[in-house]
Amino acid sequence: MKEVCEREDEHEARVKAAIESMPSEDKIAEMGARFKVISEPSRLKILLALSGGELCVEHIAKAVSGQQSAVSHQLKTLKDNKIIKGRRDGKNVLYSVSDWHVLTMINVAKEHLNCE
């Protein structure tokens, strides 16, 4: 037996609005990929460390209690996804967040989980 909705008109209007505002499949895939990149714990820790400003890989590794080689690998993933950027300063590369929207999402999550 098919369930009959008692709010047919209201819900149909919401369905129409959802369809009209739905991003393309490509954009949805891109959003999903972005969430996947930042959801990995070591990358998330790196982003939290970089939220205070730019750091070299040695100090990022120290801030996240990680091995420099592993941190370098995660930095490459973040950089390839245009979430962070690097700039050369003498012999060092200094990393910083290039997509501040990502930090906004992280801060909202921290607030939601009472991590402040």
PDB file of N, CA and C in Angstrom:
ATOM      1  N   MET A   1       0.838  -1.181   0.000  1.00  0.00           N
ATOM      2  CA  MET A   1       0.000   0.000   0.000  1.00  0.00           C
ATOM      3  C   MET A   1       0.888   1.252   0.000  1.00  0.00           C
ATOM      4  N   LYS A   2       0.643   2.139  -0.915  1.00  0.00           N
ATOM      5  CA  LYS A   2       1.419   3.362  -1.059  1.00  0.00           C
ATOM      6  C   LYS A   2       0.998   4.367  -0.001  1.00  0.00           C
ATOM      7  N   GLU A   3       2.029   4.942   0.657  1.00  0.00           N
ATOM      8  CA  GLU A   3       1.768   5.979   1.665  1.00  0.00           C
ATOM      9  C   GLU A   3       1.355   7.262   0.965  1.00  0.00           C
ATOM     10  N   VAL A   4       0.336   7.918   1.482  1.00  0.00           N
ATOM     11  CA  VAL A   4      -0.154   9.168   0.920  1.00  0.00           C
ATOM     12  C   VAL A   4       0.360  10.314   1.783  1.00  0.00           C
ATOM     13  N   CYS A   5       1.029  11.249   1.147  1.00  0.00           N
ATOM     14  CA  CYS A   5       1.584  12.390   1.872  1.00  0.00           C
ATOM     15  C   CYS A   5       0.485  13.425   2.089  1.00  0.00           C
ATOM     16  N   GLU A   6       0.390  13.873   3.320  1.00  0.00           N
ATOM     17  CA  GLU A   6      -0.630  14.869   3.655  1.00  0.00           C
ATOM     18  C   GLU A   6      -0.170  16.293   3.344  1.00  0.00           C
ATOM     19  N   ARG A   7       1.064  16.455   2.946  1.00  0.00           N
ATOM     20  CA  ARG A   7       1.615  17.782   2.629  1.00  0.00           C
ATOM     21  C   ARG A   7       2.151  17.812   1.199  1.00  0.00           C
ATOM     22  N   GLU A   8       1.403  17.256   0.296  1.00  0.00           N
ATOM     23  CA  GLU A   8       1.820  17.090  -1.094  1.00  0.00           C
ATOM     24  C   GLU A   8       2.321  18.393  -1.721  1.00  0.00           C
ATOM     25  N   ASP A   9       1.548  19.451  -1.657  1.00  0.00           N
ATOM     26  CA  ASP A   9       1.929  20.714  -2.298  1.00  0.00           C
ATOM     27  C   ASP A   9       3.211  21.289  -1.695  1.00  0.00           C
ATOM     28  N   GLU A  10       3.274  21.297  -0.369  1.00  0.00           N
ATOM     29  CA  GLU A  10       4.459  21.834   0.332  1.00  0.00           C
ATOM     30  C   GLU A  10       5.706  21.045  -0.036  1.00  0.00           C
ATOM     31  N   HIS A  11       5.599  19.729  -0.027  1.00  0.00           N
ATOM     32  CA  HIS A  11       6.752  18.887  -0.311  1.00  0.00           C
ATOM     33  C   HIS A  11       7.148  18.936  -1.780  1.00  0.00           C
ATOM     34  N   GLU A  12       6.188  19.021  -2.671  1.00  0.00           N
ATOM     35  CA  GLU A  12       6.508  19.137  -4.100  1.00  0.00           C
ATOM     36  C   GLU A  12       7.258  20.424  -4.375  1.00  0.00           C
ATOM     37  N   ALA A  13       6.897  21.503  -3.690  1.00  0.00           N
ATOM     38  CA  ALA A  13       7.608  22.774  -3.846  1.00  0.00           C
ATOM     39  C   ALA A  13       9.054  22.630  -3.363  1.00  0.00           C
ATOM     40  N   ARG A  14       9.244  21.918  -2.269  1.00  0.00           N
ATOM     41  CA  ARG A  14      10.595  21.696  -1.747  1.00  0.00           C
ATOM     42  C   ARG A  14      11.416  20.816  -2.681  1.00  0.00           C
ATOM     43  N   VAL A  15      10.779  19.818  -3.264  1.00  0.00           N
ATOM     44  CA  VAL A  15      11.466  18.958  -4.226  1.00  0.00           C
ATOM     45  C   VAL A  15      11.902  19.773  -5.432  1.00  0.00           C
ATOM     46  N   LYS A  16      11.015  20.623  -5.941  1.00  0.00           N
ATOM     47  CA  LYS A  16      11.345  21.470  -7.090  1.00  0.00           C
ATOM     48  C   LYS A  16      12.524  22.386  -6.755  1.00  0.00           C
ATOM     49  N   ALA A  17      12.509  23.005  -5.565  1.00  0.00           N
ATOM     50  CA  ALA A  17      13.598  23.886  -5.144  1.00  0.00           C
ATOM     51  C   ALA A  17      14.908  23.110  -5.015  1.00  0.00           C
ATOM     52  N   ALA A  18      14.836  21.893  -4.476  1.00  0.00           N
ATOM     53  CA  ALA A  18      16.035  21.065  -4.329  1.00  0.00           C
ATOM     54  C   ALA A  18      16.621  20.714  -5.688  1.00  0.00           C
ATOM     55  N   ILE A  19      15.780  20.362  -6.630  1.00  0.00           N
ATOM     56  CA  ILE A  19      16.241  20.008  -7.975  1.00  0.00           C
ATOM     57  C   ILE A  19      16.880  21.224  -8.646  1.00  0.00           C
ATOM     58  N   GLU A  20      16.247  22.382  -8.526  1.00  0.00           N
ATOM     59  CA  GLU A  20      16.753  23.602  -9.168  1.00  0.00           C
ATOM     60  C   GLU A  20      18.084  24.065  -8.580  1.00  0.00           C
ATOM     61  N   SER A  21      18.297  23.826  -7.286  1.00  0.00           N
ATOM     62  CA  SER A  21      19.529  24.305  -6.653  1.00  0.00           C
ATOM     63  C   SER A  21      20.624  23.237  -6.570  1.00  0.00           C
ATOM     64  N   MET A  22      20.334  22.043  -7.046  1.00  0.00           N
ATOM     65  CA  MET A  22      21.293  20.942  -6.985  1.00  0.00           C
ATOM     66  C   MET A  22      22.479  21.221  -7.901  1.00  0.00           C
ATOM     67  N   PRO A  23      23.702  21.150  -7.363  1.00  0.00           N
ATOM     68  CA  PRO A  23      24.884  21.315  -8.219  1.00  0.00           C
ATOM     69  C   PRO A  23      24.982  20.178  -9.234  1.00  0.00           C
ATOM     70  N   SER A  24      25.808  20.376 -10.233  1.00  0.00           N
ATOM     71  CA  SER A  24      26.014  19.338 -11.247  1.00  0.00           C
ATOM     72  C   SER A  24      26.673  18.118 -10.598  1.00  0.00           C
ATOM     73  N   GLU A  25      26.598  17.005 -11.290  1.00  0.00           N
ATOM     74  CA  GLU A  25      27.228  15.779 -10.798  1.00  0.00           C
ATOM     75  C   GLU A  25      28.727  15.981 -10.609  1.00  0.00           C
ATOM     76  N   ASP A  26      29.357  16.733 -11.519  1.00  0.00           N
ATOM     77  CA  ASP A  26      30.794  17.010 -11.398  1.00  0.00           C
ATOM     78  C   ASP A  26      31.098  17.793 -10.128  1.00  0.00           C
ATOM     79  N   LYS A  27      30.271  18.802  -9.829  1.00  0.00           N
ATOM     80  CA  LYS A  27      30.493  19.611  -8.626  1.00  0.00           C
ATOM     81  C   LYS A  27      30.241  18.793  -7.363  1.00  0.00           C
ATOM     82  N   ILE A  28      29.269  17.921  -7.391  1.00  0.00           N
ATOM     83  CA  ILE A  28      29.003  17.055  -6.235  1.00  0.00           C
ATOM     84  C   ILE A  28      30.186  16.121  -6.008  1.00  0.00           C
ATOM     85  N   ALA A  29      30.725  15.570  -7.086  1.00  0.00           N
ATOM     86  CA  ALA A  29      31.907  14.703  -6.966  1.00  0.00           C
ATOM     87  C   ALA A  29      33.092  15.486  -6.417  1.00  0.00           C
ATOM     88  N   GLU A  30      33.257  16.728  -6.878  1.00  0.00           N
ATOM     89  CA  GLU A  30      34.345  17.573  -6.401  1.00  0.00           C
ATOM     90  C   GLU A  30      34.184  17.876  -4.900  1.00  0.00           C
ATOM     91  N   MET A  31      32.957  18.160  -4.473  1.00  0.00           N
ATOM     92  CA  MET A  31      32.715  18.397  -3.042  1.00  0.00           C
ATOM     93  C   MET A  31      33.035  17.158  -2.220  1.00  0.00           C
ATOM     94  N   GLY A  32      32.595  16.007  -2.698  1.00  0.00           N
ATOM     95  CA  GLY A  32      32.873  14.765  -1.994  1.00  0.00           C
ATOM     96  C   GLY A  32      34.360  14.491  -1.878  1.00  0.00           C
ATOM     97  N   ALA A  33      35.079  14.758  -2.968  1.00  0.00           N
ATOM     98  CA  ALA A  33      36.529  14.549  -2.951  1.00  0.00           C
ATOM     99  C   ALA A  33      37.190  15.494  -1.953  1.00  0.00           C
ATOM    100  N   ARG A  34      36.728  16.722  -1.892  1.00  0.00           N
ATOM    101  CA  ARG A  34      37.303  17.698  -0.950  1.00  0.00           C
ATOM    102  C   ARG A  34      37.073  17.243   0.491  1.00  0.00           C
ATOM    103  N   PHE A  35      35.865  16.793   0.792  1.00  0.00           N
ATOM    104  CA  PHE A  35      35.587  16.276   2.140  1.00  0.00           C
ATOM    105  C   PHE A  35      36.459  15.069   2.457  1.00  0.00           C
ATOM    106  N   LYS A  36      36.656  14.199   1.468  1.00  0.00           N
ATOM    107  CA  LYS A  36      37.475  13.004   1.679  1.00  0.00           C
ATOM    108  C   LYS A  36      38.913  13.395   2.014  1.00  0.00           C
ATOM    109  N   VAL A  37      39.457  14.380   1.311  1.00  0.00           N
ATOM    110  CA  VAL A  37      40.836  14.813   1.550  1.00  0.00           C
ATOM    111  C   VAL A  37      40.996  15.366   2.959  1.00  0.00           C
ATOM    112  N   ILE A  38      40.081  16.220   3.380  1.00  0.00           N
ATOM    113  CA  ILE A  38      40.267  16.851   4.696  1.00  0.00           C
ATOM    114  C   ILE A  38      39.826  15.959   5.850  1.00  0.00           C
ATOM    115  N   SER A  39      39.128  14.865   5.548  1.00  0.00           N
ATOM    116  CA  SER A  39      38.643  14.014   6.638  1.00  0.00           C
ATOM    117  C   SER A  39      39.701  13.045   7.171  1.00  0.00           C
ATOM    118  N   GLU A  40      40.785  12.847   6.443  1.00  0.00           N
ATOM    119  CA  GLU A  40      41.841  11.939   6.899  1.00  0.00           C
ATOM    120  C   GLU A  40      42.522  12.588   8.109  1.00  0.00           C
ATOM    121  N   PRO A  41      42.615  11.887   9.249  1.00  0.00           N
ATOM    122  CA  PRO A  41      43.088  12.502  10.498  1.00  0.00           C
ATOM    123  C   PRO A  41      44.437  13.212  10.431  1.00  0.00           C
ATOM    124  N   SER A  42      45.426  12.638   9.761  1.00  0.00           N
ATOM    125  CA  SER A  42      46.726  13.318   9.743  1.00  0.00           C
ATOM    126  C   SER A  42      46.666  14.601   8.915  1.00  0.00           C
ATOM    127  N   ARG A  43      45.889  14.596   7.836  1.00  0.00           N
ATOM    128  CA  ARG A  43      45.743  15.828   7.052  1.00  0.00           C
ATOM    129  C   ARG A  43      44.947  16.870   7.825  1.00  0.00           C
ATOM    130  N   LEU A  44      43.953  16.426   8.553  1.00  0.00           N
ATOM    131  CA  LEU A  44      43.166  17.337   9.377  1.00  0.00           C
ATOM    132  C   LEU A  44      44.052  17.998  10.441  1.00  0.00           C
ATOM    133  N   LYS A  45      44.927  17.214  11.050  1.00  0.00           N
ATOM    134  CA  LYS A  45      45.864  17.770  12.037  1.00  0.00           C
ATOM    135  C   LYS A  45      46.798  18.793  11.405  1.00  0.00           C
ATOM    136  N   ILE A  46      47.253  18.508  10.205  1.00  0.00           N
ATOM    137  CA  ILE A  46      48.129  19.458   9.496  1.00  0.00           C
ATOM    138  C   ILE A  46      47.382  20.766   9.256  1.00  0.00           C
ATOM    139  N   LEU A  47      46.144  20.678   8.817  1.00  0.00           N
ATOM    140  CA  LEU A  47      45.357  21.891   8.578  1.00  0.00           C
ATOM    141  C   LEU A  47      45.137  22.666   9.874  1.00  0.00           C
ATOM    142  N   LEU A  48      44.914  21.961  10.962  1.00  0.00           N
ATOM    143  CA  LEU A  48      44.765  22.644  12.253  1.00  0.00           C
ATOM    144  C   LEU A  48      46.065  23.344  12.637  1.00  0.00           C
ATOM    145  N   ALA A  49      47.202  22.694  12.380  1.00  0.00           N
ATOM    146  CA  ALA A  49      48.491  23.319  12.676  1.00  0.00           C
ATOM    147  C   ALA A  49      48.704  24.558  11.813  1.00  0.00           C
ATOM    148  N   LEU A  50      48.300  24.487  10.548  1.00  0.00           N
ATOM    149  CA  LEU A  50      48.488  25.609   9.635  1.00  0.00           C
ATOM    150  C   LEU A  50      47.457  26.720   9.827  1.00  0.00           C
ATOM    151  N   SER A  51      46.441  26.460  10.627  1.00  0.00           N
ATOM    152  CA  SER A  51      45.424  27.495  10.833  1.00  0.00           C
ATOM    153  C   SER A  51      45.994  28.717  11.547  1.00  0.00           C
ATOM    154  N   GLY A  52      47.135  28.551  12.207  1.00  0.00           N
ATOM    155  CA  GLY A  52      47.775  29.674  12.890  1.00  0.00           C
ATOM    156  C   GLY A  52      48.749  30.443  12.018  1.00  0.00           C
ATOM    157  N   GLY A  53      48.995  29.970  10.801  1.00  0.00           N
ATOM    158  CA  GLY A  53      49.918  30.637   9.893  1.00  0.00           C
ATOM    159  C   GLY A  53      50.870  29.649   9.267  1.00  0.00           C
ATOM    160  N   GLU A  54      51.721  30.147   8.384  1.00  0.00           N
ATOM    161  CA  GLU A  54      52.583  29.266   7.619  1.00  0.00           C
ATOM    162  C   GLU A  54      53.679  28.637   8.483  1.00  0.00           C
ATOM    163  N   LEU A  55      54.038  27.409   8.084  1.00  0.00           N
ATOM    164  CA  LEU A  55      55.072  26.628   8.771  1.00  0.00           C
ATOM    165  C   LEU A  55      55.863  25.835   7.748  1.00  0.00           C
ATOM    166  N   CYS A  56      57.113  25.519   8.084  1.00  0.00           N
ATOM    167  CA  CYS A  56      57.905  24.600   7.269  1.00  0.00           C
ATOM    168  C   CYS A  56      57.559  23.173   7.682  1.00  0.00           C
ATOM    169  N   VAL A  57      57.957  22.214   6.851  1.00  0.00           N
ATOM    170  CA  VAL A  57      57.599  20.820   7.091  1.00  0.00           C
ATOM    171  C   VAL A  57      58.142  20.328   8.434  1.00  0.00           C
ATOM    172  N   GLU A  58      59.334  20.759   8.816  1.00  0.00           N
ATOM    173  CA  GLU A  58      59.912  20.336  10.095  1.00  0.00           C
ATOM    174  C   GLU A  58      59.001  20.730  11.260  1.00  0.00           C
ATOM    175  N   HIS A  59      58.487  21.942  11.226  1.00  0.00           N
ATOM    176  CA  HIS A  59      57.655  22.415  12.331  1.00  0.00           C
ATOM    177  C   HIS A  59      56.220  21.888  12.246  1.00  0.00           C
ATOM    178  N   ILE A  60      55.764  21.606  11.038  1.00  0.00           N
ATOM    179  CA  ILE A  60      54.456  20.946  10.912  1.00  0.00           C
ATOM    180  C   ILE A  60      54.546  19.564  11.542  1.00  0.00           C
ATOM    181  N   ALA A  61      55.608  18.819  11.214  1.00  0.00           N
ATOM    182  CA  ALA A  61      55.793  17.478  11.779  1.00  0.00           C
ATOM    183  C   ALA A  61      55.836  17.542  13.298  1.00  0.00           C
ATOM    184  N   LYS A  62      56.521  18.537  13.834  1.00  0.00           N
ATOM    185  CA  LYS A  62      56.596  18.697  15.287  1.00  0.00           C
ATOM    186  C   LYS A  62      55.217  19.002  15.871  1.00  0.00           C
ATOM    187  N   ALA A  63      54.459  19.882  15.205  1.00  0.00           N
ATOM    188  CA  ALA A  63      53.134  20.274  15.705  1.00  0.00           C
ATOM    189  C   ALA A  63      52.140  19.119  15.709  1.00  0.00           C
ATOM    190  N   VAL A  64      52.281  18.194  14.760  1.00  0.00           N
ATOM    191  CA  VAL A  64      51.322  17.089  14.655  1.00  0.00           C
ATOM    192  C   VAL A  64      51.881  15.780  15.197  1.00  0.00           C
ATOM    193  N   SER A  65      53.089  15.839  15.769  1.00  0.00           N
ATOM    194  CA  SER A  65      53.756  14.646  16.303  1.00  0.00           C
ATOM    195  C   SER A  65      53.880  13.554  15.238  1.00  0.00           C
ATOM    196  N   GLY A  66      54.346  13.959  14.068  1.00  0.00           N
ATOM    197  CA  GLY A  66      54.462  13.014  12.965  1.00  0.00           C
ATOM    198  C   GLY A  66      55.874  12.929  12.431  1.00  0.00           C
ATOM    199  N   GLN A  67      56.116  11.922  11.615  1.00  0.00           N
ATOM    200  CA  GLN A  67      57.390  11.766  10.941  1.00  0.00           C
ATOM    201  C   GLN A  67      57.416  12.710   9.733  1.00  0.00           C
ATOM    202  N   GLN A  68      58.556  13.343   9.511  1.00  0.00           N
ATOM    203  CA  GLN A  68      58.660  14.325   8.442  1.00  0.00           C
ATOM    204  C   GLN A  68      58.303  13.737   7.081  1.00  0.00           C
ATOM    205  N   SER A  69      58.698  12.498   6.805  1.00  0.00           N
ATOM    206  CA  SER A  69      58.391  11.888   5.504  1.00  0.00           C
ATOM    207  C   SER A  69      56.879  11.675   5.333  1.00  0.00           C
ATOM    208  N   ALA A  70      56.214  11.241   6.398  1.00  0.00           N
ATOM    209  CA  ALA A  70      54.768  11.040   6.335  1.00  0.00           C
ATOM    210  C   ALA A  70      54.039  12.373   6.177  1.00  0.00           C
ATOM    211  N   VAL A  71      54.514  13.384   6.887  1.00  0.00           N
ATOM    212  CA  VAL A  71      53.914  14.715   6.787  1.00  0.00           C
ATOM    213  C   VAL A  71      54.100  15.258   5.368  1.00  0.00           C
ATOM    214  N   SER A  72      55.282  15.069   4.791  1.00  0.00           N
ATOM    215  CA  SER A  72      55.541  15.519   3.422  1.00  0.00           C
ATOM    216  C   SER A  72      54.569  14.874   2.439  1.00  0.00           C
ATOM    217  N   HIS A  73      54.294  13.592   2.633  1.00  0.00           N
ATOM    218  CA  HIS A  73      53.352  12.873   1.776  1.00  0.00           C
ATOM    219  C   HIS A  73      51.955  13.500   1.885  1.00  0.00           C
ATOM    220  N   GLN A  74      51.518  13.785   3.106  1.00  0.00           N
ATOM    221  CA  GLN A  74      50.194  14.379   3.305  1.00  0.00           C
ATOM    222  C   GLN A  74      50.136  15.808   2.775  1.00  0.00           C
ATOM    223  N   LEU A  75      51.242  16.543   2.912  1.00  0.00           N
ATOM    224  CA  LEU A  75      51.297  17.900   2.361  1.00  0.00           C
ATOM    225  C   LEU A  75      51.107  17.872   0.849  1.00  0.00           C
ATOM    226  N   LYS A  76      51.709  16.881   0.194  1.00  0.00           N
ATOM    227  CA  LYS A  76      51.562  16.766  -1.263  1.00  0.00           C
ATOM    228  C   LYS A  76      50.095  16.556  -1.629  1.00  0.00           C
ATOM    229  N   THR A  77      49.401  15.697  -0.892  1.00  0.00           N
ATOM    230  CA  THR A  77      47.985  15.458  -1.166  1.00  0.00           C
ATOM    231  C   THR A  77      47.179  16.735  -0.980  1.00  0.00           C
ATOM    232  N   LEU A  78      47.437  17.458   0.113  1.00  0.00           N
ATOM    233  CA  LEU A  78      46.724  18.710   0.360  1.00  0.00           C
ATOM    234  C   LEU A  78      47.033  19.744  -0.720  1.00  0.00           C
ATOM    235  N   LYS A  79      48.275  19.791  -1.137  1.00  0.00           N
ATOM    236  CA  LYS A  79      48.684  20.743  -2.177  1.00  0.00           C
ATOM    237  C   LYS A  79      48.078  20.371  -3.527  1.00  0.00           C
ATOM    238  N   ASP A  80      48.092  19.077  -3.874  1.00  0.00           N
ATOM    239  CA  ASP A  80      47.505  18.617  -5.135  1.00  0.00           C
ATOM    240  C   ASP A  80      46.016  18.946  -5.219  1.00  0.00           C
ATOM    241  N   ASN A  81      45.365  19.016  -4.075  1.00  0.00           N
ATOM    242  CA  ASN A  81      43.930  19.331  -4.026  1.00  0.00           C
ATOM    243  C   ASN A  81      43.666  20.814  -3.790  1.00  0.00           C
ATOM    244  N   LYS A  82      44.720  21.616  -3.891  1.00  0.00           N
ATOM    245  CA  LYS A  82      44.636  23.077  -3.807  1.00  0.00           C
ATOM    246  C   LYS A  82      44.061  23.577  -2.473  1.00  0.00           C
ATOM    247  N   ILE A  83      44.318  22.808  -1.404  1.00  0.00           N
ATOM    248  CA  ILE A  83      43.870  23.203  -0.072  1.00  0.00           C
ATOM    249  C   ILE A  83      44.961  23.993   0.627  1.00  0.00           C
ATOM    250  N   ILE A  84      46.212  23.652   0.337  1.00  0.00           N
ATOM    251  CA  ILE A  84      47.343  24.406   0.872  1.00  0.00           C
ATOM    252  C   ILE A  84      48.232  24.840  -0.286  1.00  0.00           C
ATOM    253  N   LYS A  85      49.161  25.730   0.013  1.00  0.00           N
ATOM    254  CA  LYS A  85      50.150  26.158  -0.976  1.00  0.00           C
ATOM    255  C   LYS A  85      51.495  26.236  -0.286  1.00  0.00           C
ATOM    256  N   GLY A  86      52.529  26.195  -1.065  1.00  0.00           N
ATOM    257  CA  GLY A  86      53.877  26.308  -0.529  1.00  0.00           C
ATOM    258  C   GLY A  86      54.610  27.444  -1.219  1.00  0.00           C
ATOM    259  N   ARG A  87      55.501  28.074  -0.478  1.00  0.00           N
ATOM    260  CA  ARG A  87      56.353  29.096  -1.086  1.00  0.00           C
ATOM    261  C   ARG A  87      57.767  28.896  -0.578  1.00  0.00           C
ATOM    262  N   ARG A  88      58.716  29.068  -1.482  1.00  0.00           N
ATOM    263  CA  ARG A  88      60.114  28.866  -1.129  1.00  0.00           C
ATOM    264  C   ARG A  88      60.621  30.079  -0.366  1.00  0.00           C
ATOM    265  N   ASP A  89      61.356  29.802   0.730  1.00  0.00           N
ATOM    266  CA  ASP A  89      62.004  30.832   1.537  1.00  0.00           C
ATOM    267  C   ASP A  89      63.412  30.326   1.829  1.00  0.00           C
ATOM    268  N   GLY A  90      64.354  30.695   0.970  1.00  0.00           N
ATOM    269  CA  GLY A  90      65.703  30.152   1.100  1.00  0.00           C
ATOM    270  C   GLY A  90      65.687  28.666   0.819  1.00  0.00           C
ATOM    271  N   LYS A  91      66.177  27.874   1.774  1.00  0.00           N
ATOM    272  CA  LYS A  91      66.212  26.419   1.611  1.00  0.00           C
ATOM    273  C   LYS A  91      64.894  25.758   2.002  1.00  0.00           C
ATOM    274  N   ASN A  92      64.020  26.476   2.662  1.00  0.00           N
ATOM    275  CA  ASN A  92      62.766  25.910   3.160  1.00  0.00           C
ATOM    276  C   ASN A  92      61.590  26.202   2.242  1.00  0.00           C
ATOM    277  N   VAL A  93      60.593  25.350   2.347  1.00  0.00           N
ATOM    278  CA  VAL A  93      59.296  25.628   1.749  1.00  0.00           C
ATOM    279  C   VAL A  93      58.344  25.878   2.916  1.00  0.00           C
ATOM    280  N   LEU A  94      57.685  27.012   2.882  1.00  0.00           N
ATOM    281  CA  LEU A  94      56.720  27.357   3.916  1.00  0.00           C
ATOM    282  C   LEU A  94      55.321  27.074   3.380  1.00  0.00           C
ATOM    283  N   TYR A  95      54.544  26.324   4.160  1.00  0.00           N
ATOM    284  CA  TYR A  95      53.200  25.922   3.742  1.00  0.00           C
ATOM    285  C   TYR A  95      52.170  26.765   4.470  1.00  0.00           C
ATOM    286  N   SER A  96      51.085  27.043   3.757  1.00  0.00           N
ATOM    287  CA  SER A  96      49.973  27.776   4.350  1.00  0.00           C
ATOM    288  C   SER A  96      48.678  27.311   3.703  1.00  0.00           C
ATOM    289  N   VAL A  97      47.577  27.630   4.342  1.00  0.00           N
ATOM    290  CA  VAL A  97      46.266  27.259   3.820  1.00  0.00           C
ATOM    291  C   VAL A  97      45.924  28.202   2.671  1.00  0.00           C
ATOM    292  N   SER A  98      45.537  27.640   1.548  1.00  0.00           N
ATOM    293  CA  SER A  98      45.146  28.474   0.408  1.00  0.00           C
ATOM    294  C   SER A  98      43.631  28.548   0.256  1.00  0.00           C
ATOM    295  N   ASP A  99      42.923  27.598   0.833  1.00  0.00           N
ATOM    296  CA  ASP A  99      41.459  27.585   0.760  1.00  0.00           C
ATOM    297  C   ASP A  99      40.905  27.783   2.166  1.00  0.00           C
ATOM    298  N   TRP A 100      40.647  29.026   2.508  1.00  0.00           N
ATOM    299  CA  TRP A 100      40.187  29.350   3.859  1.00  0.00           C
ATOM    300  C   TRP A 100      38.783  28.833   4.142  1.00  0.00           C
ATOM    301  N   HIS A 101      38.040  28.466   3.100  1.00  0.00           N
ATOM    302  CA  HIS A 101      36.732  27.862   3.318  1.00  0.00           C
ATOM    303  C   HIS A 101      36.872  26.546   4.088  1.00  0.00           C
ATOM    304  N   VAL A 102      37.961  25.839   3.812  1.00  0.00           N
ATOM    305  CA  VAL A 102      38.213  24.573   4.497  1.00  0.00           C
ATOM    306  C   VAL A 102      38.368  24.815   5.998  1.00  0.00           C
ATOM    307  N   LEU A 103      39.102  25.867   6.365  1.00  0.00           N
ATOM    308  CA  LEU A 103      39.253  26.177   7.794  1.00  0.00           C
ATOM    309  C   LEU A 103      37.929  26.579   8.413  1.00  0.00           C
ATOM    310  N   THR A 104      37.082  27.240   7.655  1.00  0.00           N
ATOM    311  CA  THR A 104      35.750  27.584   8.160  1.00  0.00           C
ATOM    312  C   THR A 104      34.974  26.309   8.481  1.00  0.00           C
ATOM    313  N   MET A 105      35.039  25.326   7.577  1.00  0.00           N
ATOM    314  CA  MET A 105      34.337  24.056   7.829  1.00  0.00           C
ATOM    315  C   MET A 105      34.905  23.354   9.061  1.00  0.00           C
ATOM    316  N   ILE A 106      36.231  23.363   9.184  1.00  0.00           N
ATOM    317  CA  ILE A 106      36.866  22.720  10.331  1.00  0.00           C
ATOM    318  C   ILE A 106      36.477  23.423  11.625  1.00  0.00           C
ATOM    319  N   ASN A 107      36.462  24.741  11.610  1.00  0.00           N
ATOM    320  CA  ASN A 107      36.084  25.490  12.814  1.00  0.00           C
ATOM    321  C   ASN A 107      34.629  25.261  13.193  1.00  0.00           C
ATOM    322  N   VAL A 108      33.758  25.134  12.206  1.00  0.00           N
ATOM    323  CA  VAL A 108      32.356  24.816  12.492  1.00  0.00           C
ATOM    324  C   VAL A 108      32.264  23.432  13.136  1.00  0.00           C
ATOM    325  N   ALA A 109      33.020  22.476  12.606  1.00  0.00           N
ATOM    326  CA  ALA A 109      33.019  21.124  13.182  1.00  0.00           C
ATOM    327  C   ALA A 109      33.551  21.142  14.614  1.00  0.00           C
ATOM    328  N   LYS A 110      34.632  21.903  14.845  1.00  0.00           N
ATOM    329  CA  LYS A 110      35.180  22.011  16.200  1.00  0.00           C
ATOM    330  C   LYS A 110      34.153  22.602  17.153  1.00  0.00           C
ATOM    331  N   GLU A 111      33.496  23.646  16.708  1.00  0.00           N
ATOM    332  CA  GLU A 111      32.463  24.286  17.533  1.00  0.00           C
ATOM    333  C   GLU A 111      31.330  23.314  17.829  1.00  0.00           C
ATOM    334  N   HIS A 112      30.919  22.594  16.804  1.00  0.00           N
ATOM    335  CA  HIS A 112      29.823  21.630  16.954  1.00  0.00           C
ATOM    336  C   HIS A 112      30.174  20.548  17.969  1.00  0.00           C
ATOM    337  N   LEU A 113      31.442  20.154  17.987  1.00  0.00           N
ATOM    338  CA  LEU A 113      31.889  19.097  18.891  1.00  0.00           C
ATOM    339  C   LEU A 113      32.430  19.632  20.204  1.00  0.00           C
ATOM    340  N   ASN A 114      32.275  20.945  20.413  1.00  0.00           N
ATOM    341  CA  ASN A 114      32.762  21.598  21.633  1.00  0.00           C
ATOM    342  C   ASN A 114      34.244  21.378  21.855  1.00  0.00           C
ATOM    343  N   CYS A 115      35.040  21.551  20.801  1.00  0.00           N
ATOM    344  CA  CYS A 115      36.481  21.357  20.878  1.00  0.00           C
ATOM    345  C   CYS A 115      37.234  22.647  21.164  1.00  0.00           C
ATOM    346  N   GLU A 116      36.551  23.719  21.270  1.00  0.00           N
ATOM    347  CA  GLU A 116      37.214  25.017  21.459  1.00  0.00           C
ATOM    348  C   GLU A 116      37.894  25.095  22.808  1.00  0.00           C
TER     349      GLU A 116
END
